[in-house]
Amino acid sequence: MSTPLLALAGVTNSPLGTALLALGAMAALVFIGRLLLSIAWKLVAAATVVVAGLWVVSVLL
């Protein structure tokens, strides 16, 4: 095993170390999810504007 993995194995020997590792993983997932949702909201807003514009054009023409 490499040195970082050996250090990580020491953390997971105790229940608190395991909980700390789990909370760190959850925090990373939440952070990544927030970034992805930020991008998704921008895409949804842009798509709404485009579809509304196409709808207005189709109604008027």
N, C-alpha and C. Protein backbone atom coordinates (compact mmCIF):
# COMPACT_ATOMS: atom_id res chain seq x y z
N MET A 1 0.84 -1.19 0.00
CA MET A 1 0.00 0.00 0.00
C MET A 1 0.87 1.24 0.00
N SER A 2 0.36 2.30 -0.57
CA SER A 2 1.10 3.55 -0.55
C SER A 2 0.89 4.24 0.79
N THR A 3 1.70 5.23 1.07
CA THR A 3 1.67 5.91 2.36
C THR A 3 0.34 6.59 2.66
N PRO A 4 -0.29 7.34 1.71
CA PRO A 4 -1.59 7.95 2.04
C PRO A 4 -2.66 6.91 2.38
N LEU A 5 -2.63 5.78 1.71
CA LEU A 5 -3.62 4.75 2.02
C LEU A 5 -3.38 4.15 3.40
N LEU A 6 -2.11 4.03 3.78
CA LEU A 6 -1.82 3.53 5.13
C LEU A 6 -2.30 4.52 6.18
N ALA A 7 -2.13 5.81 5.92
CA ALA A 7 -2.60 6.83 6.86
C ALA A 7 -4.12 6.79 6.95
N LEU A 8 -4.78 6.59 5.83
CA LEU A 8 -6.24 6.51 5.80
C LEU A 8 -6.73 5.29 6.57
N ALA A 9 -5.99 4.20 6.48
CA ALA A 9 -6.37 3.00 7.22
C ALA A 9 -6.32 3.25 8.72
N GLY A 10 -5.42 4.10 9.18
CA GLY A 10 -5.35 4.43 10.60
C GLY A 10 -6.55 5.23 11.05
N VAL A 11 -7.09 6.06 10.18
CA VAL A 11 -8.26 6.88 10.52
C VAL A 11 -9.49 6.00 10.69
N THR A 12 -9.62 5.00 9.86
CA THR A 12 -10.83 4.18 9.87
C THR A 12 -10.80 3.09 10.94
N ASN A 13 -9.78 3.07 11.77
CA ASN A 13 -9.73 2.07 12.85
C ASN A 13 -10.73 2.37 13.96
N SER A 14 -11.10 3.63 14.12
CA SER A 14 -12.04 4.00 15.19
C SER A 14 -13.38 4.42 14.58
N PRO A 15 -14.46 4.29 15.34
CA PRO A 15 -15.77 4.71 14.84
C PRO A 15 -15.82 6.20 14.50
N LEU A 16 -15.15 7.03 15.31
CA LEU A 16 -15.15 8.46 15.02
C LEU A 16 -14.38 8.77 13.74
N GLY A 17 -13.30 8.04 13.51
CA GLY A 17 -12.55 8.22 12.27
C GLY A 17 -13.38 7.84 11.06
N THR A 18 -14.13 6.76 11.18
CA THR A 18 -15.01 6.34 10.09
C THR A 18 -16.11 7.37 9.85
N ALA A 19 -16.67 7.92 10.94
CA ALA A 19 -17.70 8.95 10.80
C ALA A 19 -17.13 10.20 10.15
N LEU A 20 -15.90 10.56 10.54
CA LEU A 20 -15.26 11.73 9.95
C LEU A 20 -15.03 11.53 8.46
N LEU A 21 -14.59 10.36 8.08
CA LEU A 21 -14.38 10.05 6.67
C LEU A 21 -15.70 10.08 5.90
N ALA A 22 -16.75 9.54 6.48
CA ALA A 22 -18.07 9.54 5.83
C ALA A 22 -18.59 10.96 5.67
N LEU A 23 -18.43 11.79 6.70
CA LEU A 23 -18.89 13.18 6.61
C LEU A 23 -18.09 13.96 5.57
N GLY A 24 -16.81 13.69 5.47
CA GLY A 24 -15.99 14.34 4.44
C GLY A 24 -16.44 13.95 3.04
N ALA A 25 -16.76 12.67 2.86
CA ALA A 25 -17.25 12.21 1.55
C ALA A 25 -18.60 12.85 1.23
N MET A 26 -19.47 12.94 2.23
CA MET A 26 -20.78 13.57 2.00
C MET A 26 -20.63 15.05 1.68
N ALA A 27 -19.72 15.73 2.35
CA ALA A 27 -19.49 17.15 2.07
C ALA A 27 -18.99 17.34 0.64
N ALA A 28 -18.11 16.46 0.19
CA ALA A 28 -17.61 16.55 -1.18
C ALA A 28 -18.75 16.33 -2.18
N LEU A 29 -19.62 15.37 -1.91
CA LEU A 29 -20.74 15.12 -2.81
C LEU A 29 -21.71 16.29 -2.85
N VAL A 30 -21.97 16.90 -1.70
CA VAL A 30 -22.87 18.06 -1.65
C VAL A 30 -22.27 19.22 -2.43
N PHE A 31 -20.97 19.45 -2.27
CA PHE A 31 -20.31 20.54 -2.98
C PHE A 31 -20.38 20.33 -4.48
N ILE A 32 -20.08 19.12 -4.93
CA ILE A 32 -20.15 18.81 -6.37
C ILE A 32 -21.59 18.93 -6.86
N GLY A 33 -22.54 18.46 -6.06
CA GLY A 33 -23.95 18.57 -6.44
C GLY A 33 -24.40 20.02 -6.58
N ARG A 34 -23.93 20.88 -5.68
CA ARG A 34 -24.29 22.30 -5.77
C ARG A 34 -23.75 22.91 -7.06
N LEU A 35 -22.54 22.54 -7.44
CA LEU A 35 -21.97 23.06 -8.68
C LEU A 35 -22.79 22.58 -9.89
N LEU A 36 -23.14 21.31 -9.89
CA LEU A 36 -23.91 20.77 -11.01
C LEU A 36 -25.31 21.38 -11.07
N LEU A 37 -25.94 21.59 -9.91
CA LEU A 37 -27.27 22.20 -9.90
C LEU A 37 -27.22 23.65 -10.37
N SER A 38 -26.14 24.34 -10.06
CA SER A 38 -25.98 25.71 -10.53
C SER A 38 -25.97 25.74 -12.06
N ILE A 39 -25.24 24.82 -12.65
CA ILE A 39 -25.19 24.74 -14.11
C ILE A 39 -26.56 24.32 -14.66
N ALA A 40 -27.21 23.38 -14.01
CA ALA A 40 -28.51 22.90 -14.47
C ALA A 40 -29.55 24.01 -14.45
N TRP A 41 -29.57 24.83 -13.40
CA TRP A 41 -30.53 25.93 -13.34
C TRP A 41 -30.32 26.91 -14.48
N LYS A 42 -29.09 27.18 -14.84
CA LYS A 42 -28.81 28.09 -15.97
C LYS A 42 -29.32 27.49 -17.27
N LEU A 43 -29.12 26.19 -17.45
CA LEU A 43 -29.61 25.53 -18.66
C LEU A 43 -31.14 25.53 -18.73
N VAL A 44 -31.79 25.29 -17.59
CA VAL A 44 -33.26 25.29 -17.56
C VAL A 44 -33.79 26.69 -17.85
N ALA A 45 -33.17 27.71 -17.29
CA ALA A 45 -33.61 29.08 -17.54
C ALA A 45 -33.44 29.45 -19.01
N ALA A 46 -32.31 29.09 -19.60
CA ALA A 46 -32.08 29.38 -21.02
C ALA A 46 -33.08 28.63 -21.89
N ALA A 47 -33.34 27.38 -21.58
CA ALA A 47 -34.30 26.59 -22.37
C ALA A 47 -35.70 27.17 -22.25
N THR A 48 -36.07 27.65 -21.07
CA THR A 48 -37.39 28.26 -20.88
C THR A 48 -37.54 29.50 -21.74
N VAL A 49 -36.52 30.33 -21.77
CA VAL A 49 -36.57 31.55 -22.59
C VAL A 49 -36.67 31.20 -24.07
N VAL A 50 -35.91 30.23 -24.52
CA VAL A 50 -35.93 29.84 -25.93
C VAL A 50 -37.29 29.26 -26.31
N VAL A 51 -37.83 28.38 -25.49
CA VAL A 51 -39.14 27.77 -25.79
C VAL A 51 -40.24 28.82 -25.75
N ALA A 52 -40.18 29.74 -24.79
CA ALA A 52 -41.18 30.80 -24.72
C ALA A 52 -41.10 31.68 -25.96
N GLY A 53 -39.90 31.99 -26.40
CA GLY A 53 -39.74 32.78 -27.61
C GLY A 53 -40.29 32.07 -28.83
N LEU A 54 -40.01 30.79 -28.96
CA LEU A 54 -40.55 30.02 -30.09
C LEU A 54 -42.07 29.94 -30.02
N TRP A 55 -42.62 29.81 -28.82
CA TRP A 55 -44.07 29.75 -28.67
C TRP A 55 -44.70 31.07 -29.10
N VAL A 56 -44.12 32.20 -28.68
CA VAL A 56 -44.65 33.51 -29.06
C VAL A 56 -44.59 33.69 -30.57
N VAL A 57 -43.49 33.30 -31.18
CA VAL A 57 -43.36 33.42 -32.64
C VAL A 57 -44.39 32.55 -33.33
N SER A 58 -44.62 31.33 -32.85
CA SER A 58 -45.58 30.44 -33.50
C SER A 58 -47.01 30.94 -33.33
N VAL A 59 -47.31 31.60 -32.23
CA VAL A 59 -48.66 32.13 -32.02
C VAL A 59 -48.90 33.35 -32.89
N LEU A 60 -47.90 34.20 -33.02
CA LEU A 60 -48.06 35.43 -33.79
C LEU A 60 -48.01 35.21 -35.29
N LEU A 61 -47.34 34.18 -35.73
CA LEU A 61 -47.23 33.94 -37.18
C LEU A 61 -48.21 32.95 -37.63
